Amino acid sequence: MLDRIRQWLVPTDTIERHVLTAKLLGRPATVVDVGDTSRNLAVYLPGARITAVNVDAHADVVIEPGPHLLPFPDGSFEAAASLDTLEHIPRGDRQLFVTEMLRVVRQRAVLCCPLGTPARNEIEQADNAWYRRLTGVEHPWISEHLAYGPPTLHDLFGLFAVDGYTVSVRFSGDVRATSRQFRMAEASLHARRPQDIARWAGFRLTHRPDLGLTRESSEHSNRVFVIAERHA
């Protein structure tokens, strides 16, 4: 019951990326989750031993901010995951981040992040301006998206061009739908008008996560999943 309540409070977009990442990982016994602290992935990988690595004190392994090596020997984990972290890393540090994640796994790595497109940039600029009018400040993670730039598909294939791996991609969601959900949730939280709260509650109670994956992207694809399989 507590897990169900906890998951109801988690944003729908967060649920979707964790469910899909778990599906793409398969059934690994050990996973390093690079950039996580919330342990959401553990809900969808029962039985797996997950080690969360982050600069945040709530992680299993706390590392210092900035580019550096992960504190694990080569091949320490059966699988690796990273969910919506890469877009918050400066472009010059992203290659080391990906290379290190691949170094410490024996079989498969799955990284997901918002897909960088002109449509996303336009929508997120509008969402950030709306949020600033609502709260008086920049939105923390959207402002980082705008500063660093979510990686494009071309960027990702370049970052994952590491010897010993076969790389494929999948796509999910629609950034326009994510924007609408974001505004509903933030309005209910900050404006606190009864109609905003009722609208968000009604949506959240009836919404079912979008768990579809496609092999082709579109102008409005929300998220990209990169699957890297180590050669036998």
C-alpha atoms as a PDB file:
ATOM      1  CA  MET A   1       0.000   0.000   0.000  1.00  0.00           C
ATOM      2  CA  LEU A   2       2.803   2.437   0.886  1.00  0.00           C
ATOM      3  CA  ASP A   3       4.529   1.737  -2.435  1.00  0.00           C
ATOM      4  CA  ARG A   4       1.281   2.476  -4.294  1.00  0.00           C
ATOM      5  CA  ILE A   5       0.794   5.767  -2.450  1.00  0.00           C
ATOM      6  CA  ARG A   6       4.419   6.716  -3.067  1.00  0.00           C
ATOM      7  CA  GLN A   7       4.101   5.983  -6.773  1.00  0.00           C
ATOM      8  CA  TRP A   8       0.887   8.020  -7.005  1.00  0.00           C
ATOM      9  CA  LEU A   9       2.839  11.026  -5.743  1.00  0.00           C
ATOM     10  CA  VAL A  10       5.618  10.527  -8.298  1.00  0.00           C
ATOM     11  CA  PRO A  11       5.137  12.526 -11.538  1.00  0.00           C
ATOM     12  CA  THR A  12       3.782  10.435 -14.397  1.00  0.00           C
ATOM     13  CA  ASP A  13       6.786  11.271 -16.572  1.00  0.00           C
ATOM     14  CA  THR A  14       9.079   9.896 -13.866  1.00  0.00           C
ATOM     15  CA  ILE A  15       7.109   6.665 -13.642  1.00  0.00           C
ATOM     16  CA  GLU A  16       7.240   6.190 -17.407  1.00  0.00           C
ATOM     17  CA  ARG A  17      11.000   6.499 -17.694  1.00  0.00           C
ATOM     18  CA  HIS A  18      11.628   4.120 -14.781  1.00  0.00           C
ATOM     19  CA  VAL A  19       9.212   1.475 -16.065  1.00  0.00           C
ATOM     20  CA  LEU A  20      10.682   1.623 -19.562  1.00  0.00           C
ATOM     21  CA  THR A  21      14.287   1.567 -18.355  1.00  0.00           C
ATOM     22  CA  ALA A  22      13.560  -1.485 -16.203  1.00  0.00           C
ATOM     23  CA  LYS A  23      11.951  -3.199 -19.198  1.00  0.00           C
ATOM     24  CA  LEU A  24      14.975  -2.501 -21.405  1.00  0.00           C
ATOM     25  CA  LEU A  25      17.425  -3.664 -18.735  1.00  0.00           C
ATOM     26  CA  GLY A  26      15.802  -7.096 -18.509  1.00  0.00           C
ATOM     27  CA  ARG A  27      16.457  -9.022 -15.295  1.00  0.00           C
ATOM     28  CA  PRO A  28      19.959  -8.096 -14.120  1.00  0.00           C
ATOM     29  CA  ALA A  29      21.128  -9.195 -10.689  1.00  0.00           C
ATOM     30  CA  THR A  30      23.243  -6.080 -10.082  1.00  0.00           C
ATOM     31  CA  VAL A  31      22.740  -2.551 -11.425  1.00  0.00           C
ATOM     32  CA  VAL A  32      24.603   0.710 -10.968  1.00  0.00           C
ATOM     33  CA  ASP A  33      22.196   3.626 -11.347  1.00  0.00           C
ATOM     34  CA  VAL A  34      24.318   6.660 -12.181  1.00  0.00           C
ATOM     35  CA  GLY A  35      22.638   9.885 -11.145  1.00  0.00           C
ATOM     36  CA  ASP A  36      19.891   8.433  -8.937  1.00  0.00           C
ATOM     37  CA  THR A  37      19.023   8.964  -5.281  1.00  0.00           C
ATOM     38  CA  SER A  38      15.304   8.229  -5.089  1.00  0.00           C
ATOM     39  CA  ARG A  39      15.591   4.467  -5.690  1.00  0.00           C
ATOM     40  CA  ASN A  40      12.553   4.583  -7.975  1.00  0.00           C
ATOM     41  CA  LEU A  41      14.183   2.010 -10.244  1.00  0.00           C
ATOM     42  CA  ALA A  42      14.178  -0.589  -7.458  1.00  0.00           C
ATOM     43  CA  VAL A  43      10.361  -0.615  -7.502  1.00  0.00           C
ATOM     44  CA  TYR A  44      10.427  -1.959 -11.070  1.00  0.00           C
ATOM     45  CA  LEU A  45      13.418  -4.311 -10.723  1.00  0.00           C
ATOM     46  CA  PRO A  46      12.454  -6.463  -7.756  1.00  0.00           C
ATOM     47  CA  GLY A  47      15.265  -8.696  -6.609  1.00  0.00           C
ATOM     48  CA  ALA A  48      18.021  -6.668  -8.282  1.00  0.00           C
ATOM     49  CA  ARG A  49      20.770  -5.201  -6.129  1.00  0.00           C
ATOM     50  CA  ILE A  50      20.882  -1.550  -7.169  1.00  0.00           C
ATOM     51  CA  THR A  51      23.671   0.855  -6.259  1.00  0.00           C
ATOM     52  CA  ALA A  52      22.725   4.502  -6.695  1.00  0.00           C
ATOM     53  CA  VAL A  53      25.589   6.909  -7.417  1.00  0.00           C
ATOM     54  CA  ASN A  54      25.150  10.659  -7.139  1.00  0.00           C
ATOM     55  CA  VAL A  55      26.609  13.881  -5.789  1.00  0.00           C
ATOM     56  CA  ASP A  56      23.625  13.978  -3.421  1.00  0.00           C
ATOM     57  CA  ALA A  57      24.092  12.722   0.132  1.00  0.00           C
ATOM     58  CA  HIS A  58      21.077  10.386  -0.185  1.00  0.00           C
ATOM     59  CA  ALA A  59      22.813   8.170  -2.751  1.00  0.00           C
ATOM     60  CA  ASP A  60      24.357   4.816  -1.855  1.00  0.00           C
ATOM     61  CA  VAL A  61      27.704   6.065  -3.165  1.00  0.00           C
ATOM     62  CA  VAL A  62      28.350   9.800  -2.977  1.00  0.00           C
ATOM     63  CA  ILE A  63      30.823  11.302  -5.439  1.00  0.00           C
ATOM     64  CA  GLU A  64      32.163  14.812  -5.824  1.00  0.00           C
ATOM     65  CA  PRO A  65      30.658  17.105  -8.470  1.00  0.00           C
ATOM     66  CA  GLY A  66      32.519  17.430 -11.740  1.00  0.00           C
ATOM     67  CA  PRO A  67      34.119  15.014 -14.219  1.00  0.00           C
ATOM     68  CA  HIS A  68      35.808  12.021 -12.612  1.00  0.00           C
ATOM     69  CA  LEU A  69      36.075   8.236 -12.697  1.00  0.00           C
ATOM     70  CA  LEU A  70      33.448   6.066 -11.035  1.00  0.00           C
ATOM     71  CA  PRO A  71      34.827   4.384  -7.892  1.00  0.00           C
ATOM     72  CA  PHE A  72      34.359   0.813  -9.189  1.00  0.00           C
ATOM     73  CA  PRO A  73      36.602  -1.672 -11.025  1.00  0.00           C
ATOM     74  CA  ASP A  74      35.885  -2.596 -14.640  1.00  0.00           C
ATOM     75  CA  GLY A  75      32.821  -4.794 -15.057  1.00  0.00           C
ATOM     76  CA  SER A  76      31.655  -4.474 -11.451  1.00  0.00           C
ATOM     77  CA  PHE A  77      27.949  -4.627 -12.364  1.00  0.00           C
ATOM     78  CA  GLU A  78      25.875  -6.751 -14.661  1.00  0.00           C
ATOM     79  CA  ALA A  79      24.012  -3.677 -15.903  1.00  0.00           C
ATOM     80  CA  ALA A  80      24.016   0.104 -15.679  1.00  0.00           C
ATOM     81  CA  ALA A  81      21.291   2.725 -15.911  1.00  0.00           C
ATOM     82  CA  SER A  82      21.164   6.484 -16.052  1.00  0.00           C
ATOM     83  CA  LEU A  83      17.835   8.283 -16.114  1.00  0.00           C
ATOM     84  CA  ASP A  84      17.525  11.944 -17.093  1.00  0.00           C
ATOM     85  CA  THR A  85      20.980  12.886 -15.846  1.00  0.00           C
ATOM     86  CA  LEU A  86      23.062  13.451 -18.975  1.00  0.00           C
ATOM     87  CA  GLU A  87      21.196  16.635 -19.942  1.00  0.00           C
ATOM     88  CA  HIS A  88      22.243  18.220 -16.617  1.00  0.00           C
ATOM     89  CA  ILE A  89      25.933  17.643 -17.331  1.00  0.00           C
ATOM     90  CA  PRO A  90      27.969  20.259 -19.263  1.00  0.00           C
ATOM     91  CA  ARG A  91      28.649  19.125 -22.807  1.00  0.00           C
ATOM     92  CA  GLY A  92      32.389  18.888 -22.284  1.00  0.00           C
ATOM     93  CA  ASP A  93      31.956  16.352 -19.463  1.00  0.00           C
ATOM     94  CA  ARG A  94      29.424  14.063 -21.141  1.00  0.00           C
ATOM     95  CA  GLN A  95      31.878  11.763 -22.902  1.00  0.00           C
ATOM     96  CA  LEU A  96      33.604  10.797 -19.658  1.00  0.00           C
ATOM     97  CA  PHE A  97      30.210  10.227 -18.021  1.00  0.00           C
ATOM     98  CA  VAL A  98      29.133   7.765 -20.728  1.00  0.00           C
ATOM     99  CA  THR A  99      32.521   6.060 -21.021  1.00  0.00           C
ATOM    100  CA  GLU A 100      32.666   5.463 -17.276  1.00  0.00           C
ATOM    101  CA  MET A 101      29.142   4.082 -17.160  1.00  0.00           C
ATOM    102  CA  LEU A 102      30.034   1.575 -19.888  1.00  0.00           C
ATOM    103  CA  ARG A 103      33.344   0.676 -18.267  1.00  0.00           C
ATOM    104  CA  VAL A 104      31.796  -0.675 -15.070  1.00  0.00           C
ATOM    105  CA  VAL A 105      29.217  -3.008 -16.709  1.00  0.00           C
ATOM    106  CA  ARG A 106      29.556  -6.546 -18.047  1.00  0.00           C
ATOM    107  CA  GLN A 107      26.451  -6.830 -20.224  1.00  0.00           C
ATOM    108  CA  ARG A 108      24.054  -3.938 -20.844  1.00  0.00           C
ATOM    109  CA  ALA A 109      23.661  -0.236 -20.175  1.00  0.00           C
ATOM    110  CA  VAL A 110      20.507   1.837 -20.665  1.00  0.00           C
ATOM    111  CA  LEU A 111      20.636   5.617 -20.632  1.00  0.00           C
ATOM    112  CA  CYS A 112      17.572   7.771 -21.154  1.00  0.00           C
ATOM    113  CA  CYS A 113      17.285  11.521 -21.458  1.00  0.00           C
ATOM    114  CA  PRO A 114      15.118  14.188 -23.080  1.00  0.00           C
ATOM    115  CA  LEU A 115      15.764  14.259 -26.821  1.00  0.00           C
ATOM    116  CA  GLY A 116      17.239  17.521 -28.029  1.00  0.00           C
ATOM    117  CA  THR A 117      15.171  18.962 -30.894  1.00  0.00           C
ATOM    118  CA  PRO A 118      14.187  22.478 -32.022  1.00  0.00           C
ATOM    119  CA  ALA A 119      10.596  21.737 -30.936  1.00  0.00           C
ATOM    120  CA  ARG A 120      11.708  20.815 -27.416  1.00  0.00           C
ATOM    121  CA  ASN A 121      13.825  23.934 -27.114  1.00  0.00           C
ATOM    122  CA  GLU A 122      10.908  26.145 -28.130  1.00  0.00           C
ATOM    123  CA  ILE A 123       8.496  24.420 -25.731  1.00  0.00           C
ATOM    124  CA  GLU A 124      10.916  24.510 -22.807  1.00  0.00           C
ATOM    125  CA  GLN A 125      11.669  28.194 -23.335  1.00  0.00           C
ATOM    126  CA  ALA A 126       7.918  28.854 -23.135  1.00  0.00           C
ATOM    127  CA  ASP A 127       7.509  26.589 -20.089  1.00  0.00           C
ATOM    128  CA  ASN A 128      10.371  28.295 -18.270  1.00  0.00           C
ATOM    129  CA  ALA A 129       8.911  31.748 -18.973  1.00  0.00           C
ATOM    130  CA  TRP A 130       5.486  30.548 -17.743  1.00  0.00           C
ATOM    131  CA  TYR A 131       7.034  29.127 -14.573  1.00  0.00           C
ATOM    132  CA  ARG A 132       8.936  32.380 -13.962  1.00  0.00           C
ATOM    133  CA  ARG A 133       5.691  34.327 -14.162  1.00  0.00           C
ATOM    134  CA  LEU A 134       4.086  31.854 -11.767  1.00  0.00           C
ATOM    135  CA  THR A 135       6.849  31.728  -9.138  1.00  0.00           C
ATOM    136  CA  GLY A 136       9.236  34.603  -9.803  1.00  0.00           C
ATOM    137  CA  VAL A 137      12.228  32.275 -10.399  1.00  0.00           C
ATOM    138  CA  GLU A 138      13.643  30.052 -13.120  1.00  0.00           C
ATOM    139  CA  HIS A 139      12.627  26.404 -13.062  1.00  0.00           C
ATOM    140  CA  PRO A 140      15.695  24.466 -11.813  1.00  0.00           C
ATOM    141  CA  TRP A 141      15.849  21.622 -14.305  1.00  0.00           C
ATOM    142  CA  ILE A 142      14.334  23.368 -17.322  1.00  0.00           C
ATOM    143  CA  SER A 143      16.827  26.206 -16.936  1.00  0.00           C
ATOM    144  CA  GLU A 144      19.635  23.614 -17.000  1.00  0.00           C
ATOM    145  CA  HIS A 145      18.157  22.068 -20.138  1.00  0.00           C
ATOM    146  CA  LEU A 146      18.257  25.478 -21.777  1.00  0.00           C
ATOM    147  CA  ALA A 147      21.794  26.185 -20.549  1.00  0.00           C
ATOM    148  CA  TYR A 148      23.403  22.820 -21.413  1.00  0.00           C
ATOM    149  CA  GLY A 149      21.115  21.539 -24.177  1.00  0.00           C
ATOM    150  CA  PRO A 150      19.578  18.043 -24.104  1.00  0.00           C
ATOM    151  CA  PRO A 151      21.646  15.801 -26.396  1.00  0.00           C
ATOM    152  CA  THR A 152      20.535  15.276 -29.962  1.00  0.00           C
ATOM    153  CA  LEU A 153      20.468  11.837 -31.557  1.00  0.00           C
ATOM    154  CA  HIS A 154      23.704  12.701 -33.363  1.00  0.00           C
ATOM    155  CA  ASP A 155      25.296  13.672 -30.037  1.00  0.00           C
ATOM    156  CA  LEU A 156      24.289  10.390 -28.425  1.00  0.00           C
ATOM    157  CA  PHE A 157      25.639   8.162 -31.175  1.00  0.00           C
ATOM    158  CA  GLY A 158      28.918  10.049 -30.901  1.00  0.00           C
ATOM    159  CA  LEU A 159      29.070   9.630 -27.121  1.00  0.00           C
ATOM    160  CA  PHE A 160      28.330   5.893 -27.344  1.00  0.00           C
ATOM    161  CA  ALA A 161      30.857   5.184 -30.091  1.00  0.00           C
ATOM    162  CA  VAL A 162      32.898   3.098 -27.657  1.00  0.00           C
ATOM    163  CA  ASP A 163      34.721  -0.078 -28.730  1.00  0.00           C
ATOM    164  CA  GLY A 164      33.091  -3.325 -27.667  1.00  0.00           C
ATOM    165  CA  TYR A 165      29.444  -2.221 -27.724  1.00  0.00           C
ATOM    166  CA  THR A 166      26.472  -2.485 -30.060  1.00  0.00           C
ATOM    167  CA  VAL A 167      24.161   0.515 -29.690  1.00  0.00           C
ATOM    168  CA  SER A 168      20.458   0.892 -30.469  1.00  0.00           C
ATOM    169  CA  VAL A 169      17.864   3.527 -29.601  1.00  0.00           C
ATOM    170  CA  ARG A 170      14.168   3.723 -28.759  1.00  0.00           C
ATOM    171  CA  PHE A 171      11.881   6.732 -28.339  1.00  0.00           C
ATOM    172  CA  SER A 172       8.909   7.463 -26.108  1.00  0.00           C
ATOM    173  CA  GLY A 173       6.311  10.101 -25.374  1.00  0.00           C
ATOM    174  CA  ASP A 174       5.416  13.497 -26.777  1.00  0.00           C
ATOM    175  CA  VAL A 175       7.049  16.634 -25.409  1.00  0.00           C
ATOM    176  CA  ARG A 176       3.812  18.572 -25.893  1.00  0.00           C
ATOM    177  CA  ALA A 177       1.951  16.210 -23.562  1.00  0.00           C
ATOM    178  CA  THR A 178       4.776  16.412 -21.038  1.00  0.00           C
ATOM    179  CA  SER A 179       4.572  20.215 -21.140  1.00  0.00           C
ATOM    180  CA  ARG A 180       0.842  20.164 -20.453  1.00  0.00           C
ATOM    181  CA  GLN A 181       1.314  17.811 -17.504  1.00  0.00           C
ATOM    182  CA  PHE A 182       4.146  19.965 -16.154  1.00  0.00           C
ATOM    183  CA  ARG A 183       1.997  23.092 -16.185  1.00  0.00           C
ATOM    184  CA  MET A 184      -0.948  21.363 -14.536  1.00  0.00           C
ATOM    185  CA  ALA A 185       1.234  19.984 -11.745  1.00  0.00           C
ATOM    186  CA  GLU A 186       3.084  23.244 -11.086  1.00  0.00           C
ATOM    187  CA  ALA A 187      -0.112  25.314 -11.132  1.00  0.00           C
ATOM    188  CA  SER A 188      -1.677  23.023  -8.528  1.00  0.00           C
ATOM    189  CA  LEU A 189       1.443  23.292  -6.368  1.00  0.00           C
ATOM    190  CA  HIS A 190       2.169  27.023  -6.595  1.00  0.00           C
ATOM    191  CA  ALA A 191      -1.068  28.787  -7.533  1.00  0.00           C
ATOM    192  CA  ARG A 192      -3.101  26.569  -5.200  1.00  0.00           C
ATOM    193  CA  ARG A 193      -6.409  27.629  -6.680  1.00  0.00           C
ATOM    194  CA  PRO A 194      -9.112  25.002  -6.072  1.00  0.00           C
ATOM    195  CA  GLN A 195      -9.700  24.619  -9.805  1.00  0.00           C
ATOM    196  CA  ASP A 196      -5.996  23.977 -10.457  1.00  0.00           C
ATOM    197  CA  ILE A 197      -5.799  21.371  -7.699  1.00  0.00           C
ATOM    198  CA  ALA A 198      -8.987  19.674  -8.867  1.00  0.00           C
ATOM    199  CA  ARG A 199      -7.779  19.616 -12.476  1.00  0.00           C
ATOM    200  CA  TRP A 200      -4.459  18.014 -11.535  1.00  0.00           C
ATOM    201  CA  ALA A 201      -6.065  15.503  -9.159  1.00  0.00           C
ATOM    202  CA  GLY A 202      -8.595  14.486 -11.801  1.00  0.00           C
ATOM    203  CA  PHE A 203      -5.867  13.994 -14.377  1.00  0.00           C
ATOM    204  CA  ARG A 204      -3.596  12.090 -12.015  1.00  0.00           C
ATOM    205  CA  LEU A 205      -6.317   9.731 -10.839  1.00  0.00           C
ATOM    206  CA  THR A 206      -7.339   8.733 -14.360  1.00  0.00           C
ATOM    207  CA  HIS A 207      -4.047   8.942 -16.261  1.00  0.00           C
ATOM    208  CA  ARG A 208      -2.303   5.782 -17.384  1.00  0.00           C
ATOM    209  CA  PRO A 209       1.418   5.957 -18.121  1.00  0.00           C
ATOM    210  CA  ASP A 210       2.442   6.041 -21.766  1.00  0.00           C
ATOM    211  CA  LEU A 211       4.695   2.988 -21.992  1.00  0.00           C
ATOM    212  CA  GLY A 212       5.017   2.785 -25.758  1.00  0.00           C
ATOM    213  CA  LEU A 213       8.427   2.621 -27.419  1.00  0.00           C
ATOM    214  CA  THR A 214       9.179   3.308 -31.076  1.00  0.00           C
ATOM    215  CA  ARG A 215      12.233   2.758 -33.246  1.00  0.00           C
ATOM    216  CA  GLU A 216      11.784   6.048 -35.102  1.00  0.00           C
ATOM    217  CA  SER A 217      11.824   9.553 -33.632  1.00  0.00           C
ATOM    218  CA  SER A 218       9.529  12.420 -34.497  1.00  0.00           C
ATOM    219  CA  GLU A 219       9.784  16.185 -34.169  1.00  0.00           C
ATOM    220  CA  HIS A 220       8.007  15.975 -30.805  1.00  0.00           C
ATOM    221  CA  SER A 221       9.553  12.817 -29.326  1.00  0.00           C
ATOM    222  CA  ASN A 222       9.953  13.388 -25.619  1.00  0.00           C
ATOM    223  CA  ARG A 223      12.632  10.950 -24.551  1.00  0.00           C
ATOM    224  CA  VAL A 224      15.323   8.769 -26.110  1.00  0.00           C
ATOM    225  CA  PHE A 225      16.597   5.500 -24.645  1.00  0.00           C
ATOM    226  CA  VAL A 226      20.077   4.355 -25.638  1.00  0.00           C
ATOM    227  CA  ILE A 227      20.731   0.634 -25.195  1.00  0.00           C
ATOM    228  CA  ALA A 228      24.384  -0.430 -25.283  1.00  0.00           C
ATOM    229  CA  GLU A 229      25.132  -4.168 -25.359  1.00  0.00           C
ATOM    230  CA  ARG A 230      28.658  -5.365 -24.679  1.00  0.00           C
ATOM    231  CA  HIS A 231      29.994  -7.809 -27.265  1.00  0.00           C
ATOM    232  CA  ALA A 232      30.432 -11.378 -26.037  1.00  0.00           C
END
